[in-house]
Amino acid sequence: MNDSATGTRATLRKQATATQLTLLCRSLTADRGLNGFTIEEVCSDIGISRRTFFNYFPSKEDAVLGIADENDEMSKMADDFRARGSRGWTAVVDDLADLAVQHIRSAGHNASEHIAFMTVLEREPRLLARFIGAGREREQGLVAMVAAREGVPADDPLARAAIDIVSTILRSTADRISDPRVAEDFGAAILESLAAVRAVLTPPLPRKADQ
């Protein structure tokens, strides 16, 4: 096995363990609150040492929010985004939406998981504040990523608009599938929402004159 394949397998194992830690911490927080369980309990259930836990997350709060895991995913997303090359602003939105769907599907995110996370944030308002702050930082990083690929200043309004469009689609789609009566694939719902936005923004074809 070559070094590249070995590195890929190691990365996948690390991502899988980080996801396990986050899901368990979220489940325990939803059931007992953030102070209702210990890091040692989490480590025992997952089968890792306390020291290993801190190789993944600097705190229990970060594990619940999945912040360290998300940072790794953001780095990979930036590499994939740059590799696609500049092809115009429409392609920017398409690429961002496609990469978001890829991440959601590879991580196995679904509606029930999203609903559970919302329950955690409602139970622990301090986590909600951190989640909002992390979201703002993430969006700023994405704007810079888009601007760099498209060769425009970091404060370019088009770069900001591209991120705003995709972020709004992600939030509205998440809200829609949070309704327990709605059973939708998260990724498919995102692409459907993007198609709807395009339909609204596409100028209508000129009407033919009556014969």
N, C-alpha and C. Protein backbone atom coordinates (compact mmCIF):
# COMPACT_ATOMS: atom_id res chain seq x y z
N MET A 1 0.85 -1.20 0.00
CA MET A 1 0.00 0.00 0.00
C MET A 1 0.88 1.25 0.00
N ASN A 2 0.60 2.21 -0.91
CA ASN A 2 1.44 3.40 -0.98
C ASN A 2 1.11 4.39 0.12
N ASP A 3 1.99 5.40 0.25
CA ASP A 3 1.83 6.38 1.33
C ASP A 3 0.52 7.16 1.20
N SER A 4 0.10 7.44 -0.05
CA SER A 4 -1.13 8.20 -0.27
C SER A 4 -2.34 7.43 0.24
N ALA A 5 -2.40 6.13 -0.08
CA ALA A 5 -3.53 5.31 0.36
C ALA A 5 -3.53 5.18 1.88
N THR A 6 -2.35 5.02 2.45
CA THR A 6 -2.24 4.91 3.91
C THR A 6 -2.72 6.20 4.58
N GLY A 7 -2.31 7.33 4.01
CA GLY A 7 -2.72 8.62 4.56
C GLY A 7 -4.22 8.82 4.45
N THR A 8 -4.80 8.39 3.34
CA THR A 8 -6.25 8.52 3.16
C THR A 8 -7.02 7.70 4.18
N ARG A 9 -6.56 6.46 4.40
CA ARG A 9 -7.23 5.60 5.38
C ARG A 9 -7.11 6.17 6.78
N ALA A 10 -5.95 6.72 7.10
CA ALA A 10 -5.76 7.32 8.42
C ALA A 10 -6.67 8.53 8.60
N THR A 11 -6.80 9.33 7.55
CA THR A 11 -7.68 10.50 7.61
C THR A 11 -9.13 10.09 7.81
N LEU A 12 -9.55 9.05 7.09
CA LEU A 12 -10.93 8.57 7.21
C LEU A 12 -11.20 8.02 8.61
N ARG A 13 -10.21 7.31 9.17
CA ARG A 13 -10.38 6.80 10.54
C ARG A 13 -10.49 7.95 11.53
N LYS A 14 -9.67 8.97 11.34
CA LYS A 14 -9.72 10.12 12.23
C LYS A 14 -11.07 10.83 12.13
N GLN A 15 -11.56 11.00 10.91
CA GLN A 15 -12.85 11.64 10.73
C GLN A 15 -13.97 10.82 11.36
N ALA A 16 -13.89 9.50 11.23
CA ALA A 16 -14.92 8.63 11.79
C ALA A 16 -14.94 8.73 13.32
N THR A 17 -13.75 8.76 13.93
CA THR A 17 -13.68 8.86 15.39
C THR A 17 -14.19 10.22 15.86
N ALA A 18 -13.83 11.28 15.15
CA ALA A 18 -14.31 12.62 15.50
C ALA A 18 -15.83 12.68 15.42
N THR A 19 -16.39 12.06 14.38
CA THR A 19 -17.84 12.05 14.23
C THR A 19 -18.50 11.27 15.37
N GLN A 20 -17.91 10.14 15.75
CA GLN A 20 -18.42 9.36 16.87
C GLN A 20 -18.44 10.19 18.15
N LEU A 21 -17.35 10.88 18.39
CA LEU A 21 -17.26 11.70 19.60
C LEU A 21 -18.33 12.78 19.61
N THR A 22 -18.50 13.45 18.48
CA THR A 22 -19.48 14.53 18.40
C THR A 22 -20.90 14.00 18.60
N LEU A 23 -21.24 12.91 17.93
CA LEU A 23 -22.59 12.37 18.04
C LEU A 23 -22.89 11.91 19.46
N LEU A 24 -21.91 11.27 20.11
CA LEU A 24 -22.13 10.82 21.48
C LEU A 24 -22.27 12.01 22.43
N CYS A 25 -21.40 13.01 22.27
CA CYS A 25 -21.49 14.20 23.14
C CYS A 25 -22.81 14.93 22.94
N ARG A 26 -23.29 14.98 21.72
CA ARG A 26 -24.58 15.63 21.46
C ARG A 26 -25.73 14.85 22.10
N SER A 27 -25.67 13.52 21.98
CA SER A 27 -26.72 12.69 22.56
C SER A 27 -26.76 12.84 24.08
N LEU A 28 -25.59 12.82 24.70
CA LEU A 28 -25.52 12.97 26.16
C LEU A 28 -25.97 14.36 26.60
N THR A 29 -25.62 15.37 25.81
CA THR A 29 -26.03 16.74 26.15
C THR A 29 -27.53 16.89 26.04
N ALA A 30 -28.13 16.30 25.01
CA ALA A 30 -29.59 16.36 24.85
C ALA A 30 -30.30 15.68 26.01
N ASP A 31 -29.72 14.58 26.49
CA ASP A 31 -30.35 13.82 27.57
C ASP A 31 -30.11 14.41 28.95
N ARG A 32 -28.87 14.90 29.18
CA ARG A 32 -28.49 15.27 30.55
C ARG A 32 -28.02 16.72 30.71
N GLY A 33 -27.80 17.40 29.62
CA GLY A 33 -27.21 18.72 29.71
C GLY A 33 -25.70 18.62 29.63
N LEU A 34 -25.06 19.73 29.33
CA LEU A 34 -23.61 19.73 29.13
C LEU A 34 -22.84 19.32 30.38
N ASN A 35 -23.38 19.64 31.55
CA ASN A 35 -22.70 19.30 32.80
C ASN A 35 -23.10 17.93 33.34
N GLY A 36 -23.93 17.22 32.59
CA GLY A 36 -24.44 15.94 33.08
C GLY A 36 -23.59 14.73 32.72
N PHE A 37 -22.46 14.95 32.09
CA PHE A 37 -21.57 13.83 31.76
C PHE A 37 -20.13 14.33 31.72
N THR A 38 -19.20 13.41 31.76
CA THR A 38 -17.78 13.76 31.78
C THR A 38 -17.08 13.31 30.50
N ILE A 39 -15.94 13.91 30.26
CA ILE A 39 -15.12 13.49 29.12
C ILE A 39 -14.66 12.05 29.31
N GLU A 40 -14.37 11.66 30.55
CA GLU A 40 -13.96 10.28 30.81
C GLU A 40 -15.05 9.29 30.41
N GLU A 41 -16.28 9.65 30.67
CA GLU A 41 -17.40 8.77 30.29
C GLU A 41 -17.46 8.62 28.77
N VAL A 42 -17.28 9.72 28.06
CA VAL A 42 -17.29 9.68 26.60
C VAL A 42 -16.16 8.80 26.09
N CYS A 43 -14.97 8.99 26.65
CA CYS A 43 -13.81 8.22 26.20
C CYS A 43 -14.01 6.73 26.45
N SER A 44 -14.61 6.39 27.59
CA SER A 44 -14.85 4.99 27.91
C SER A 44 -15.81 4.36 26.90
N ASP A 45 -16.85 5.08 26.54
CA ASP A 45 -17.83 4.56 25.59
C ASP A 45 -17.24 4.39 24.19
N ILE A 46 -16.37 5.31 23.79
CA ILE A 46 -15.79 5.25 22.45
C ILE A 46 -14.60 4.29 22.40
N GLY A 47 -13.93 4.13 23.55
CA GLY A 47 -12.77 3.25 23.61
C GLY A 47 -11.46 3.96 23.31
N ILE A 48 -11.34 5.21 23.78
CA ILE A 48 -10.11 5.97 23.61
C ILE A 48 -9.69 6.54 24.95
N SER A 49 -8.48 7.04 25.04
CA SER A 49 -8.00 7.65 26.27
C SER A 49 -8.42 9.12 26.32
N ARG A 50 -8.36 9.68 27.52
CA ARG A 50 -8.65 11.10 27.68
C ARG A 50 -7.67 11.94 26.85
N ARG A 51 -6.41 11.52 26.84
CA ARG A 51 -5.40 12.25 26.08
C ARG A 51 -5.76 12.24 24.58
N THR A 52 -6.24 11.10 24.10
CA THR A 52 -6.61 11.00 22.69
C THR A 52 -7.80 11.92 22.38
N PHE A 53 -8.73 12.03 23.34
CA PHE A 53 -9.87 12.93 23.14
C PHE A 53 -9.39 14.33 22.80
N PHE A 54 -8.39 14.80 23.53
CA PHE A 54 -7.91 16.16 23.32
C PHE A 54 -7.07 16.30 22.05
N ASN A 55 -6.75 15.18 21.42
CA ASN A 55 -6.14 15.26 20.09
C ASN A 55 -7.19 15.63 19.04
N TYR A 56 -8.45 15.40 19.38
CA TYR A 56 -9.55 15.69 18.46
C TYR A 56 -10.23 17.02 18.78
N PHE A 57 -10.50 17.25 20.07
CA PHE A 57 -11.24 18.46 20.46
C PHE A 57 -10.60 19.06 21.72
N PRO A 58 -10.49 20.39 21.76
CA PRO A 58 -9.89 21.03 22.94
C PRO A 58 -10.81 21.07 24.15
N SER A 59 -12.11 20.81 23.96
CA SER A 59 -13.05 20.86 25.08
C SER A 59 -14.30 20.05 24.76
N LYS A 60 -15.09 19.81 25.78
CA LYS A 60 -16.35 19.11 25.60
C LYS A 60 -17.29 19.92 24.71
N GLU A 61 -17.29 21.24 24.89
CA GLU A 61 -18.14 22.10 24.08
C GLU A 61 -17.79 22.01 22.59
N ASP A 62 -16.49 21.97 22.31
CA ASP A 62 -16.05 21.86 20.92
C ASP A 62 -16.47 20.51 20.32
N ALA A 63 -16.45 19.47 21.15
CA ALA A 63 -16.87 18.15 20.68
C ALA A 63 -18.35 18.15 20.32
N VAL A 64 -19.17 18.78 21.15
CA VAL A 64 -20.60 18.85 20.87
C VAL A 64 -20.86 19.59 19.56
N LEU A 65 -20.15 20.68 19.36
CA LEU A 65 -20.34 21.48 18.15
C LEU A 65 -19.61 20.90 16.94
N GLY A 66 -18.67 19.98 17.20
CA GLY A 66 -17.91 19.39 16.10
C GLY A 66 -16.97 20.37 15.44
N ILE A 67 -16.44 21.32 16.20
CA ILE A 67 -15.67 22.42 15.61
C ILE A 67 -14.36 21.95 15.00
N ALA A 68 -13.60 21.13 15.72
CA ALA A 68 -12.30 20.70 15.17
C ALA A 68 -12.50 19.87 13.92
N ASP A 69 -13.48 18.98 13.94
CA ASP A 69 -13.78 18.15 12.77
C ASP A 69 -14.20 19.02 11.60
N GLU A 70 -14.96 20.07 11.90
CA GLU A 70 -15.41 20.96 10.84
C GLU A 70 -14.24 21.73 10.23
N ASN A 71 -13.26 22.09 11.06
CA ASN A 71 -12.09 22.80 10.53
C ASN A 71 -11.33 21.93 9.53
N ASP A 72 -11.20 20.64 9.84
CA ASP A 72 -10.54 19.72 8.91
C ASP A 72 -11.32 19.64 7.61
N GLU A 73 -12.65 19.56 7.72
CA GLU A 73 -13.49 19.46 6.53
C GLU A 73 -13.42 20.74 5.71
N MET A 74 -13.34 21.90 6.39
CA MET A 74 -13.24 23.17 5.68
C MET A 74 -11.94 23.25 4.88
N SER A 75 -10.85 22.73 5.45
CA SER A 75 -9.58 22.73 4.74
C SER A 75 -9.67 21.88 3.48
N LYS A 76 -10.29 20.71 3.60
CA LYS A 76 -10.46 19.83 2.44
C LYS A 76 -11.36 20.49 1.40
N MET A 77 -12.43 21.13 1.87
CA MET A 77 -13.35 21.79 0.96
C MET A 77 -12.65 22.90 0.18
N ALA A 78 -11.79 23.66 0.87
CA ALA A 78 -11.05 24.75 0.21
C ALA A 78 -10.15 24.19 -0.89
N ASP A 79 -9.49 23.05 -0.61
CA ASP A 79 -8.63 22.43 -1.62
C ASP A 79 -9.46 22.00 -2.83
N ASP A 80 -10.60 21.36 -2.57
CA ASP A 80 -11.46 20.89 -3.66
C ASP A 80 -12.02 22.06 -4.46
N PHE A 81 -12.38 23.13 -3.76
CA PHE A 81 -12.95 24.30 -4.43
C PHE A 81 -11.93 24.95 -5.35
N ARG A 82 -10.70 25.11 -4.87
CA ARG A 82 -9.65 25.70 -5.70
C ARG A 82 -9.34 24.82 -6.90
N ALA A 83 -9.35 23.51 -6.70
CA ALA A 83 -8.99 22.59 -7.77
C ALA A 83 -9.98 22.65 -8.94
N ARG A 84 -11.20 23.09 -8.69
CA ARG A 84 -12.20 23.16 -9.76
C ARG A 84 -11.95 24.34 -10.69
N GLY A 85 -11.21 25.32 -10.22
CA GLY A 85 -10.84 26.46 -11.07
C GLY A 85 -11.96 27.47 -11.24
N SER A 86 -11.54 28.69 -11.61
CA SER A 86 -12.49 29.79 -11.81
C SER A 86 -13.23 29.61 -13.13
N ARG A 87 -14.59 29.61 -13.05
CA ARG A 87 -15.40 29.44 -14.26
C ARG A 87 -16.60 30.38 -14.26
N GLY A 88 -16.50 31.46 -13.49
CA GLY A 88 -17.61 32.41 -13.45
C GLY A 88 -18.40 32.29 -12.16
N TRP A 89 -19.21 33.32 -11.86
CA TRP A 89 -19.90 33.38 -10.58
C TRP A 89 -21.02 32.36 -10.43
N THR A 90 -21.65 32.00 -11.53
CA THR A 90 -22.67 30.95 -11.44
C THR A 90 -22.03 29.64 -11.00
N ALA A 91 -20.84 29.36 -11.54
CA ALA A 91 -20.12 28.14 -11.16
C ALA A 91 -19.70 28.18 -9.70
N VAL A 92 -19.42 29.37 -9.16
CA VAL A 92 -19.04 29.49 -7.75
C VAL A 92 -20.17 28.95 -6.87
N VAL A 93 -21.39 29.40 -7.14
CA VAL A 93 -22.53 28.95 -6.34
C VAL A 93 -22.75 27.45 -6.52
N ASP A 94 -22.64 26.97 -7.77
CA ASP A 94 -22.81 25.54 -8.04
C ASP A 94 -21.77 24.72 -7.28
N ASP A 95 -20.51 25.17 -7.31
CA ASP A 95 -19.44 24.44 -6.64
C ASP A 95 -19.65 24.40 -5.12
N LEU A 96 -20.02 25.54 -4.55
CA LEU A 96 -20.25 25.59 -3.10
C LEU A 96 -21.38 24.66 -2.68
N ALA A 97 -22.48 24.69 -3.43
CA ALA A 97 -23.62 23.83 -3.11
C ALA A 97 -23.24 22.36 -3.28
N ASP A 98 -22.52 22.05 -4.35
CA ASP A 98 -22.13 20.66 -4.60
C ASP A 98 -21.21 20.14 -3.51
N LEU A 99 -20.25 20.96 -3.08
CA LEU A 99 -19.33 20.54 -2.03
C LEU A 99 -20.05 20.38 -0.69
N ALA A 100 -21.04 21.24 -0.44
CA ALA A 100 -21.83 21.11 0.80
C ALA A 100 -22.60 19.80 0.79
N VAL A 101 -23.18 19.46 -0.35
CA VAL A 101 -23.93 18.20 -0.47
C VAL A 101 -22.99 17.01 -0.29
N GLN A 102 -21.81 17.08 -0.89
CA GLN A 102 -20.83 16.00 -0.74
C GLN A 102 -20.48 15.79 0.72
N HIS A 103 -20.25 16.90 1.43
CA HIS A 103 -19.90 16.79 2.85
C HIS A 103 -21.04 16.17 3.65
N ILE A 104 -22.25 16.64 3.41
CA ILE A 104 -23.41 16.13 4.15
C ILE A 104 -23.58 14.63 3.93
N ARG A 105 -23.42 14.20 2.68
CA ARG A 105 -23.62 12.79 2.37
C ARG A 105 -22.48 11.92 2.88
N SER A 106 -21.24 12.42 2.78
CA SER A 106 -20.11 11.62 3.25
C SER A 106 -20.12 11.49 4.76
N ALA A 107 -20.62 12.53 5.45
CA ALA A 107 -20.69 12.49 6.91
C ALA A 107 -21.94 11.78 7.41
N GLY A 108 -22.87 11.47 6.48
CA GLY A 108 -24.08 10.77 6.87
C GLY A 108 -25.09 11.64 7.61
N HIS A 109 -25.02 12.96 7.43
CA HIS A 109 -25.96 13.83 8.11
C HIS A 109 -27.37 13.60 7.57
N ASN A 110 -28.34 13.68 8.46
CA ASN A 110 -29.73 13.51 8.05
C ASN A 110 -30.63 14.40 8.88
N ALA A 111 -31.92 14.36 8.56
CA ALA A 111 -32.88 15.25 9.22
C ALA A 111 -32.97 14.99 10.72
N SER A 112 -33.01 13.71 11.12
CA SER A 112 -33.15 13.40 12.54
C SER A 112 -31.94 13.88 13.33
N GLU A 113 -30.76 13.78 12.73
CA GLU A 113 -29.55 14.26 13.39
C GLU A 113 -29.60 15.77 13.56
N HIS A 114 -30.09 16.48 12.54
CA HIS A 114 -30.20 17.93 12.62
C HIS A 114 -31.18 18.33 13.71
N ILE A 115 -32.31 17.63 13.78
CA ILE A 115 -33.31 17.93 14.81
C ILE A 115 -32.73 17.73 16.20
N ALA A 116 -31.95 16.66 16.38
CA ALA A 116 -31.33 16.38 17.67
C ALA A 116 -30.34 17.50 18.05
N PHE A 117 -29.60 17.99 17.06
CA PHE A 117 -28.64 19.06 17.33
C PHE A 117 -29.36 20.34 17.74
N MET A 118 -30.49 20.63 17.09
CA MET A 118 -31.27 21.81 17.47
C MET A 118 -31.77 21.70 18.91
N THR A 119 -32.10 20.47 19.32
CA THR A 119 -32.53 20.24 20.70
C THR A 119 -31.39 20.56 21.68
N VAL A 120 -30.17 20.17 21.30
CA VAL A 120 -29.00 20.46 22.12
C VAL A 120 -28.82 21.97 22.27
N LEU A 121 -28.92 22.71 21.17
CA LEU A 121 -28.72 24.16 21.22
C LEU A 121 -29.80 24.85 22.04
N GLU A 122 -31.03 24.34 21.99
CA GLU A 122 -32.10 24.91 22.80
C GLU A 122 -31.86 24.66 24.28
N ARG A 123 -31.31 23.50 24.60
CA ARG A 123 -31.06 23.16 26.00
C ARG A 123 -29.88 23.93 26.57
N GLU A 124 -28.90 24.22 25.72
CA GLU A 124 -27.68 24.88 26.18
C GLU A 124 -27.45 26.17 25.40
N PRO A 125 -28.05 27.29 25.83
CA PRO A 125 -27.92 28.55 25.10
C PRO A 125 -26.48 29.01 24.89
N ARG A 126 -25.57 28.66 25.80
CA ARG A 126 -24.18 29.08 25.62
C ARG A 126 -23.55 28.41 24.40
N LEU A 127 -24.02 27.20 24.11
CA LEU A 127 -23.55 26.52 22.90
C LEU A 127 -24.10 27.20 21.65
N LEU A 128 -25.33 27.70 21.76
CA LEU A 128 -25.93 28.40 20.62
C LEU A 128 -25.11 29.64 20.28
N ALA A 129 -24.68 30.38 21.31
CA ALA A 129 -23.88 31.57 21.07
C ALA A 129 -22.57 31.21 20.37
N ARG A 130 -21.92 30.14 20.82
CA ARG A 130 -20.68 29.71 20.18
C ARG A 130 -20.93 29.21 18.76
N PHE A 131 -22.04 28.54 18.56
CA PHE A 131 -22.39 28.02 17.24
C PHE A 131 -22.59 29.17 16.26
N ILE A 132 -23.27 30.22 16.70
CA ILE A 132 -23.49 31.38 15.83
C ILE A 132 -22.16 32.06 15.53
N GLY A 133 -21.32 32.22 16.55
CA GLY A 133 -20.01 32.85 16.34
C GLY A 133 -19.13 32.05 15.39
N ALA A 134 -19.14 30.73 15.55
CA ALA A 134 -18.35 29.87 14.67
C ALA A 134 -18.88 29.95 13.24
N GLY A 135 -20.20 30.08 13.11
CA GLY A 135 -20.80 30.19 11.78
C GLY A 135 -20.36 31.47 11.07
N ARG A 136 -20.28 32.55 11.82
CA ARG A 136 -19.83 33.81 11.22
C ARG A 136 -18.37 33.72 10.78
N GLU A 137 -17.54 33.11 11.62
CA GLU A 137 -16.14 32.95 11.24
C GLU A 137 -16.01 32.05 10.01
N ARG A 138 -16.81 31.00 9.97
CA ARG A 138 -16.77 30.10 8.82
C ARG A 138 -17.15 30.82 7.54
N GLU A 139 -18.19 31.65 7.60
CA GLU A 139 -18.62 32.37 6.41
C GLU A 139 -17.57 33.38 5.96
N GLN A 140 -16.89 34.03 6.90
CA GLN A 140 -15.82 34.95 6.53
C GLN A 140 -14.69 34.21 5.82
N GLY A 141 -14.37 33.01 6.32
CA GLY A 141 -13.34 32.21 5.67
C GLY A 141 -13.75 31.77 4.28
N LEU A 142 -15.02 31.47 4.10
CA LEU A 142 -15.52 31.05 2.79
C LEU A 142 -15.50 32.21 1.79
N VAL A 143 -15.83 33.39 2.26
CA VAL A 143 -15.77 34.57 1.38
C VAL A 143 -14.33 34.77 0.88
N ALA A 144 -13.37 34.66 1.80
CA ALA A 144 -11.96 34.81 1.41
C ALA A 144 -11.55 33.71 0.43
N MET A 145 -12.04 32.50 0.65
CA MET A 145 -11.73 31.38 -0.23
C MET A 145 -12.25 31.64 -1.65
N VAL A 146 -13.49 32.11 -1.74
CA VAL A 146 -14.09 32.41 -3.04
C VAL A 146 -13.35 33.55 -3.72
N ALA A 147 -13.06 34.60 -2.97
CA ALA A 147 -12.38 35.76 -3.54
C ALA A 147 -11.00 35.38 -4.08
N ALA A 148 -10.30 34.51 -3.36
CA ALA A 148 -8.96 34.10 -3.80
C ALA A 148 -9.03 33.33 -5.12
N ARG A 149 -10.00 32.42 -5.23
CA ARG A 149 -10.09 31.64 -6.47
C ARG A 149 -10.50 32.51 -7.65
N GLU A 150 -11.39 33.47 -7.40
CA GLU A 150 -11.91 34.29 -8.49
C GLU A 150 -11.05 35.51 -8.78
N GLY A 151 -9.99 35.70 -7.99
CA GLY A 151 -9.06 36.79 -8.24
C GLY A 151 -9.63 38.17 -7.98
N VAL A 152 -10.44 38.29 -6.92
CA VAL A 152 -11.04 39.58 -6.57
C VAL A 152 -10.65 39.91 -5.13
N PRO A 153 -10.81 41.18 -4.71
CA PRO A 153 -10.49 41.55 -3.32
C PRO A 153 -11.32 40.75 -2.33
N ALA A 154 -10.79 40.59 -1.12
CA ALA A 154 -11.47 39.80 -0.09
C ALA A 154 -12.82 40.37 0.30
N ASP A 155 -13.02 41.68 0.07
CA ASP A 155 -14.30 42.30 0.43
C ASP A 155 -15.20 42.49 -0.80
N ASP A 156 -14.92 41.79 -1.87
CA ASP A 156 -15.71 41.93 -3.09
C ASP A 156 -17.16 41.53 -2.84
N PRO A 157 -18.13 42.37 -3.24
CA PRO A 157 -19.54 42.06 -2.97
C PRO A 157 -20.04 40.80 -3.66
N LEU A 158 -19.45 40.43 -4.79
CA LEU A 158 -19.88 39.21 -5.46
C LEU A 158 -19.47 37.97 -4.66
N ALA A 159 -18.28 38.00 -4.09
CA ALA A 159 -17.84 36.88 -3.25
C ALA A 159 -18.75 36.75 -2.03
N ARG A 160 -19.10 37.87 -1.43
CA ARG A 160 -20.00 37.85 -0.28
C ARG A 160 -21.39 37.35 -0.68
N ALA A 161 -21.86 37.80 -1.84
CA ALA A 161 -23.19 37.41 -2.30
C ALA A 161 -23.26 35.91 -2.56
N ALA A 162 -22.20 35.33 -3.13
CA ALA A 162 -22.20 33.89 -3.40
C ALA A 162 -22.34 33.10 -2.11
N ILE A 163 -21.60 33.52 -1.08
CA ILE A 163 -21.69 32.83 0.21
C ILE A 163 -23.06 33.05 0.85
N ASP A 164 -23.59 34.25 0.75
CA ASP A 164 -24.91 34.54 1.32
C ASP A 164 -25.98 33.67 0.69
N ILE A 165 -25.91 33.49 -0.62
CA ILE A 165 -26.90 32.68 -1.32
C ILE A 165 -26.86 31.24 -0.82
N VAL A 166 -25.68 30.67 -0.80
CA VAL A 166 -25.56 29.27 -0.39
C VAL A 166 -25.88 29.10 1.09
N SER A 167 -25.44 30.03 1.93
CA SER A 167 -25.72 29.94 3.37
C SER A 167 -27.22 30.02 3.63
N THR A 168 -27.89 30.91 2.92
CA THR A 168 -29.35 31.03 3.08
C THR A 168 -30.06 29.76 2.66
N ILE A 169 -29.61 29.17 1.56
CA ILE A 169 -30.20 27.92 1.09
C ILE A 169 -30.00 26.81 2.13
N LEU A 170 -28.79 26.72 2.69
CA LEU A 170 -28.51 25.69 3.69
C LEU A 170 -29.38 25.87 4.92
N ARG A 171 -29.51 27.12 5.39
CA ARG A 171 -30.32 27.36 6.59
C ARG A 171 -31.80 27.07 6.34
N SER A 172 -32.32 27.55 5.21
CA SER A 172 -33.75 27.36 4.94
C SER A 172 -34.06 25.88 4.71
N THR A 173 -33.14 25.16 4.07
CA THR A 173 -33.35 23.74 3.85
C THR A 173 -33.33 22.99 5.18
N ALA A 174 -32.39 23.35 6.05
CA ALA A 174 -32.32 22.71 7.37
C ALA A 174 -33.60 22.95 8.16
N ASP A 175 -34.14 24.17 8.08
CA ASP A 175 -35.38 24.47 8.78
C ASP A 175 -36.53 23.63 8.23
N ARG A 176 -36.54 23.45 6.91
CA ARG A 176 -37.64 22.71 6.30
C ARG A 176 -37.63 21.24 6.71
N ILE A 177 -36.44 20.64 6.68
CA ILE A 177 -36.40 19.22 7.01
C ILE A 177 -36.43 18.98 8.51
N SER A 178 -36.40 20.06 9.30
CA SER A 178 -36.54 19.91 10.75
C SER A 178 -37.97 19.57 11.14
N ASP A 179 -38.90 19.79 10.22
CA ASP A 179 -40.30 19.43 10.47
C ASP A 179 -40.39 17.90 10.43
N PRO A 180 -40.75 17.24 11.54
CA PRO A 180 -40.78 15.78 11.57
C PRO A 180 -41.75 15.17 10.56
N ARG A 181 -42.67 15.99 10.04
CA ARG A 181 -43.62 15.48 9.04
C ARG A 181 -43.00 15.43 7.65
N VAL A 182 -41.82 16.06 7.49
CA VAL A 182 -41.16 16.11 6.19
C VAL A 182 -40.00 15.12 6.18
N ALA A 183 -40.04 14.19 5.27
CA ALA A 183 -38.96 13.21 5.13
C ALA A 183 -38.23 13.48 3.83
N GLU A 184 -37.07 14.12 3.94
CA GLU A 184 -36.32 14.47 2.75
C GLU A 184 -34.85 14.14 2.94
N ASP A 185 -34.20 13.82 1.84
CA ASP A 185 -32.76 13.69 1.83
C ASP A 185 -32.17 15.09 1.87
N PHE A 186 -31.30 15.33 2.87
CA PHE A 186 -30.76 16.68 3.07
C PHE A 186 -30.08 17.20 1.81
N GLY A 187 -29.23 16.37 1.21
CA GLY A 187 -28.50 16.80 0.02
C GLY A 187 -29.43 17.12 -1.14
N ALA A 188 -30.41 16.24 -1.37
CA ALA A 188 -31.35 16.47 -2.47
C ALA A 188 -32.17 17.73 -2.22
N ALA A 189 -32.53 17.97 -0.96
CA ALA A 189 -33.32 19.16 -0.63
C ALA A 189 -32.53 20.44 -0.90
N ILE A 190 -31.21 20.41 -0.65
CA ILE A 190 -30.37 21.58 -0.93
C ILE A 190 -30.35 21.89 -2.42
N LEU A 191 -30.15 20.86 -3.23
CA LEU A 191 -30.11 21.07 -4.68
C LEU A 191 -31.47 21.54 -5.21
N GLU A 192 -32.53 21.03 -4.61
CA GLU A 192 -33.87 21.47 -5.01
C GLU A 192 -34.07 22.95 -4.68
N SER A 193 -33.60 23.36 -3.51
CA SER A 193 -33.72 24.77 -3.11
C SER A 193 -32.90 25.67 -4.02
N LEU A 194 -31.71 25.21 -4.40
CA LEU A 194 -30.87 25.99 -5.31
C LEU A 194 -31.55 26.16 -6.66
N ALA A 195 -32.17 25.10 -7.15
CA ALA A 195 -32.89 25.18 -8.42
C ALA A 195 -34.04 26.18 -8.33
N ALA A 196 -34.71 26.21 -7.18
CA ALA A 196 -35.81 27.14 -6.99
C ALA A 196 -35.33 28.59 -6.99
N VAL A 197 -34.19 28.82 -6.33
CA VAL A 197 -33.61 30.18 -6.31
C VAL A 197 -33.25 30.61 -7.72
N ARG A 198 -32.66 29.70 -8.48
CA ARG A 198 -32.30 30.04 -9.86
C ARG A 198 -33.54 30.37 -10.69
N ALA A 199 -34.62 29.61 -10.48
CA ALA A 199 -35.84 29.86 -11.23
C ALA A 199 -36.41 31.24 -10.93
N VAL A 200 -36.30 31.65 -9.66
CA VAL A 200 -36.82 32.96 -9.26
C VAL A 200 -35.97 34.08 -9.87
N LEU A 201 -34.64 33.88 -9.93
CA LEU A 201 -33.73 34.93 -10.37
C LEU A 201 -33.52 34.97 -11.88
N THR A 202 -33.92 33.92 -12.57
CA THR A 202 -33.71 33.88 -14.03
C THR A 202 -34.73 34.77 -14.73
N PRO A 203 -34.28 35.73 -15.54
CA PRO A 203 -35.23 36.61 -16.23
C PRO A 203 -36.15 35.78 -17.14
N PRO A 204 -37.43 36.13 -17.20
CA PRO A 204 -38.34 35.39 -18.07
C PRO A 204 -38.00 35.62 -19.53
N LEU A 205 -38.30 34.64 -20.35
CA LEU A 205 -38.08 34.79 -21.78
C LEU A 205 -39.06 35.81 -22.34
N PRO A 206 -38.63 36.61 -23.30
CA PRO A 206 -39.56 37.60 -23.87
C PRO A 206 -40.75 36.89 -24.54
N ARG A 207 -41.90 37.48 -24.35
CA ARG A 207 -43.10 36.90 -24.92
C ARG A 207 -43.16 37.18 -26.42
N LYS A 208 -43.57 36.20 -27.18
CA LYS A 208 -43.69 36.39 -28.63
C LYS A 208 -44.88 37.28 -28.92
N ALA A 209 -44.69 38.12 -29.90
CA ALA A 209 -45.81 38.98 -30.31
C ALA A 209 -46.93 38.14 -30.89
N ASP A 210 -48.15 38.54 -30.60
CA ASP A 210 -49.30 37.81 -31.14
C ASP A 210 -49.26 37.84 -32.65
N GLN A 211 -49.53 36.69 -33.23
CA GLN A 211 -49.56 36.59 -34.68
C GLN A 211 -50.84 37.20 -35.24
